[in-house]
Amino acid sequence: MLAAVVGLYSADYPILAYTTQSSVIAIGYYCGVLYWMHRRVTVEAAAPRLRVAVLSWVLLSGLVLHFVLAGGANPIPGVLTGDPADVSSFLLHYVLPIMVFADWLLFRPYGQARWRDLPGWMLFPLGYAAIVLARGALVTGRYPYPFLNPDRRGWDGVGLWIAALAVAFALVAALLIATDRLRRPKMPTQGH
């Protein structure tokens, strides 16, 4: 959570950026979890199915930056220069997803995600794309990412990017659900 807060405050991230929105969701989720853990006097995270959704959303942010926007480039040289934008990007696109992944991987409860959750999880990234495209086309004429810019890619190109990212997101989310299902506690068998 600290990585997200520092990342958001150390550079100029507009609220329209997917990174900003997924980071704010992660901050909100973990603040809520800490509150409910304290209130219930437990160490198990509240809303574990939502935890996997948050993980899928911040992973999407990190993967899109790394593979699409940065072309797979190593982020460390930029971080070592101390440029606030590079440090912020590193915190939000690498550290935050790794920390949320570690939380999900290491801490209980396990096995809570359901296959039926996947379509609901897709609503945030797909809704995000629809809103920024509508806003750009009808209001501002600006788009937050080059692959969502119909002036550069054409509407067909943007549609292909959205379809490709939706498929990639669905595959990553399905892998998370499958992994979480495998970690589900086994029920003891009755009798011999």
Protein backbone atom coordinates (compact mmCIF):
# COMPACT_ATOMS: atom_id res chain seq x y z
CA MET A 1 0.00 0.00 0.00
CA LEU A 2 2.85 2.35 0.83
CA ALA A 3 4.38 1.74 -2.62
CA ALA A 4 1.13 2.84 -4.25
CA VAL A 5 0.79 5.98 -2.12
CA VAL A 6 4.41 7.03 -2.63
CA GLY A 7 4.22 6.17 -6.33
CA LEU A 8 1.11 8.26 -6.85
CA TYR A 9 2.45 11.24 -4.93
CA SER A 10 5.98 11.24 -6.35
CA ALA A 11 4.93 11.99 -9.93
CA ASP A 12 2.09 13.57 -11.83
CA TYR A 13 -0.34 10.70 -12.47
CA PRO A 14 -3.65 11.93 -13.87
CA ILE A 15 -6.79 10.36 -12.46
CA LEU A 16 -7.66 9.19 -15.98
CA ALA A 17 -4.66 6.84 -16.07
CA TYR A 18 -5.51 3.16 -15.55
CA THR A 19 -2.45 2.95 -13.30
CA THR A 20 -3.86 5.65 -11.03
CA GLN A 21 -7.25 4.04 -10.83
CA SER A 22 -5.99 0.50 -10.19
CA SER A 23 -3.55 1.84 -7.58
CA VAL A 24 -6.28 3.79 -5.79
CA ILE A 25 -8.45 0.66 -5.80
CA ALA A 26 -5.55 -1.32 -4.27
CA ILE A 27 -5.05 1.34 -1.59
CA GLY A 28 -8.77 1.34 -0.81
CA TYR A 29 -8.93 -2.44 -0.67
CA TYR A 30 -5.97 -2.77 1.70
CA CYS A 31 -7.20 0.05 3.95
CA GLY A 32 -10.53 -1.77 4.19
CA VAL A 33 -8.80 -5.10 4.85
CA LEU A 34 -6.70 -3.62 7.64
CA TYR A 35 -9.79 -2.09 9.19
CA TRP A 36 -11.76 -5.36 9.07
CA MET A 37 -8.82 -7.44 10.27
CA HIS A 38 -8.51 -5.14 13.28
CA ARG A 39 -12.25 -5.06 13.87
CA ARG A 40 -12.63 -8.86 13.62
CA VAL A 41 -9.36 -9.54 15.46
CA THR A 42 -8.10 -11.86 12.74
CA VAL A 43 -5.08 -12.17 10.48
CA GLU A 44 -7.09 -13.45 7.51
CA ALA A 45 -7.86 -10.89 4.84
CA ALA A 46 -11.44 -9.81 4.39
CA ALA A 47 -12.97 -10.11 0.91
CA PRO A 48 -10.40 -12.58 -0.45
CA ARG A 49 -12.18 -12.85 -3.81
CA LEU A 50 -11.82 -9.10 -4.22
CA ARG A 51 -8.13 -9.45 -3.33
CA VAL A 52 -7.62 -11.65 -6.42
CA ALA A 53 -9.52 -9.11 -8.55
CA VAL A 54 -7.31 -6.27 -7.26
CA LEU A 55 -4.27 -8.41 -8.04
CA SER A 56 -5.49 -8.98 -11.60
CA TRP A 57 -6.03 -5.24 -12.11
CA VAL A 58 -2.63 -4.11 -10.83
CA LEU A 59 -0.94 -6.94 -12.75
CA LEU A 60 -2.62 -5.66 -15.91
CA SER A 61 -1.18 -2.21 -15.24
CA GLY A 62 2.33 -3.56 -14.72
CA LEU A 63 2.24 -5.96 -17.67
CA VAL A 64 0.91 -3.33 -20.09
CA LEU A 65 3.57 -0.85 -19.05
CA HIS A 66 6.39 -3.37 -19.24
CA PHE A 67 5.49 -5.18 -22.46
CA VAL A 68 3.42 -2.66 -24.43
CA LEU A 69 4.48 0.83 -23.43
CA ALA A 70 8.13 0.16 -22.45
CA GLY A 71 8.71 -2.62 -24.98
CA GLY A 72 10.11 -4.96 -22.31
CA ALA A 73 12.91 -2.55 -21.37
CA ASN A 74 14.67 -2.95 -18.04
CA PRO A 75 13.23 -0.32 -15.63
CA ILE A 76 16.21 -0.34 -13.24
CA PRO A 77 18.47 2.15 -15.12
CA GLY A 78 15.73 4.78 -14.98
CA VAL A 79 15.18 4.15 -11.28
CA LEU A 80 18.89 4.47 -10.56
CA THR A 81 18.98 7.96 -12.07
CA GLY A 82 16.59 9.06 -9.33
CA ASP A 83 14.16 10.67 -11.76
CA PRO A 84 10.89 10.99 -9.78
CA ALA A 85 8.80 9.87 -12.77
CA ASP A 86 10.88 6.71 -13.20
CA VAL A 87 10.83 5.93 -9.49
CA SER A 88 7.08 6.50 -9.35
CA SER A 89 6.50 4.31 -12.39
CA PHE A 90 8.66 1.57 -10.88
CA LEU A 91 6.73 1.69 -7.60
CA LEU A 92 3.32 1.56 -9.28
CA HIS A 93 4.05 -0.87 -12.12
CA TYR A 94 6.53 -3.26 -10.50
CA VAL A 95 6.63 -2.97 -6.71
CA LEU A 96 2.86 -2.69 -6.16
CA PRO A 97 1.96 -5.72 -8.33
CA ILE A 98 4.74 -7.77 -6.72
CA MET A 99 3.57 -6.82 -3.22
CA VAL A 100 -0.09 -7.58 -3.98
CA PHE A 101 0.98 -10.89 -5.58
CA ALA A 102 3.10 -11.76 -2.52
CA ASP A 103 0.19 -10.94 -0.21
CA TRP A 104 -2.13 -13.21 -2.20
CA LEU A 105 0.45 -15.97 -2.47
CA LEU A 106 1.62 -16.02 1.14
CA PHE A 107 -1.33 -15.07 3.32
CA ARG A 108 -4.66 -16.73 4.01
CA PRO A 109 -7.41 -17.31 3.12
CA TYR A 110 -6.70 -19.46 0.09
CA GLY A 111 -8.97 -20.93 -2.54
CA GLN A 112 -11.72 -18.31 -2.47
CA ALA A 113 -11.75 -17.18 -6.13
CA ARG A 114 -14.52 -18.58 -8.32
CA TRP A 115 -14.65 -19.03 -12.07
CA ARG A 116 -17.84 -16.99 -12.14
CA ASP A 117 -15.83 -14.02 -10.77
CA LEU A 118 -13.86 -13.60 -14.01
CA PRO A 119 -16.54 -11.75 -16.05
CA GLY A 120 -17.07 -9.31 -13.18
CA TRP A 121 -13.36 -8.66 -12.91
CA MET A 122 -13.26 -7.79 -16.60
CA LEU A 123 -15.81 -5.02 -16.14
CA PHE A 124 -13.23 -2.63 -14.68
CA PRO A 125 -10.65 -2.75 -17.51
CA LEU A 126 -13.29 -2.94 -20.26
CA GLY A 127 -15.37 -0.20 -18.65
CA TYR A 128 -12.22 1.88 -18.30
CA ALA A 129 -11.49 1.51 -22.02
CA ALA A 130 -15.08 2.41 -22.97
CA ILE A 131 -15.11 5.52 -20.77
CA VAL A 132 -11.75 6.90 -21.95
CA LEU A 133 -12.68 6.27 -25.57
CA ALA A 134 -16.05 7.99 -25.18
CA ARG A 135 -14.48 10.88 -23.27
CA GLY A 136 -11.77 11.30 -25.89
CA ALA A 137 -14.17 11.08 -28.83
CA LEU A 138 -16.94 13.26 -27.38
CA VAL A 139 -15.21 15.71 -25.04
CA THR A 140 -11.44 16.16 -25.10
CA GLY A 141 -10.02 14.58 -28.27
CA ARG A 142 -7.23 13.16 -26.06
CA TYR A 143 -6.54 9.58 -25.09
CA PRO A 144 -4.36 8.41 -22.19
CA TYR A 145 -2.50 5.67 -24.10
CA PRO A 146 -1.30 5.40 -27.72
CA PHE A 147 -2.99 2.01 -28.21
CA LEU A 148 -6.32 3.59 -27.17
CA ASN A 149 -5.96 6.52 -29.57
CA PRO A 150 -8.16 6.08 -32.66
CA ASP A 151 -6.44 9.07 -34.31
CA ARG A 152 -3.20 7.04 -34.33
CA ARG A 153 -4.49 3.46 -34.63
CA GLY A 154 -7.91 3.91 -36.19
CA TRP A 155 -11.01 2.52 -34.50
CA ASP A 156 -10.31 -0.95 -35.89
CA GLY A 157 -6.78 -0.84 -34.46
CA VAL A 158 -8.04 0.31 -31.08
CA GLY A 159 -10.64 -2.45 -31.14
CA LEU A 160 -7.94 -5.03 -31.85
CA TRP A 161 -5.81 -3.71 -28.99
CA ILE A 162 -8.75 -3.86 -26.61
CA ALA A 163 -9.59 -7.40 -27.74
CA ALA A 164 -5.96 -8.52 -27.36
CA LEU A 165 -5.65 -6.95 -23.91
CA ALA A 166 -9.00 -8.43 -22.85
CA VAL A 167 -7.85 -11.90 -23.90
CA ALA A 168 -4.50 -11.42 -22.13
CA PHE A 169 -6.28 -10.16 -19.01
CA ALA A 170 -8.71 -13.10 -19.08
CA LEU A 171 -5.82 -15.56 -19.39
CA VAL A 172 -3.90 -14.02 -16.49
CA ALA A 173 -7.07 -13.85 -14.37
CA ALA A 174 -7.92 -17.46 -15.24
CA LEU A 175 -4.43 -18.52 -14.22
CA LEU A 176 -4.88 -16.72 -10.89
CA ILE A 177 -8.26 -18.36 -10.32
CA ALA A 178 -6.91 -21.82 -11.23
CA THR A 179 -3.95 -21.35 -8.91
CA ASP A 180 -6.18 -20.10 -6.12
CA ARG A 181 -8.54 -23.05 -6.60
CA LEU A 182 -5.60 -25.45 -6.28
CA ARG A 183 -4.69 -23.83 -2.97
CA ARG A 184 -8.18 -24.38 -1.57
CA PRO A 185 -8.02 -26.19 1.78
CA LYS A 186 -8.88 -29.85 1.42
CA MET A 187 -11.87 -31.04 3.35
CA PRO A 188 -11.16 -34.06 5.55
CA THR A 189 -12.83 -37.22 4.30
CA GLN A 190 -15.28 -38.94 6.58
CA GLY A 191 -14.69 -42.58 7.41
CA HIS A 192 -12.05 -44.72 5.79
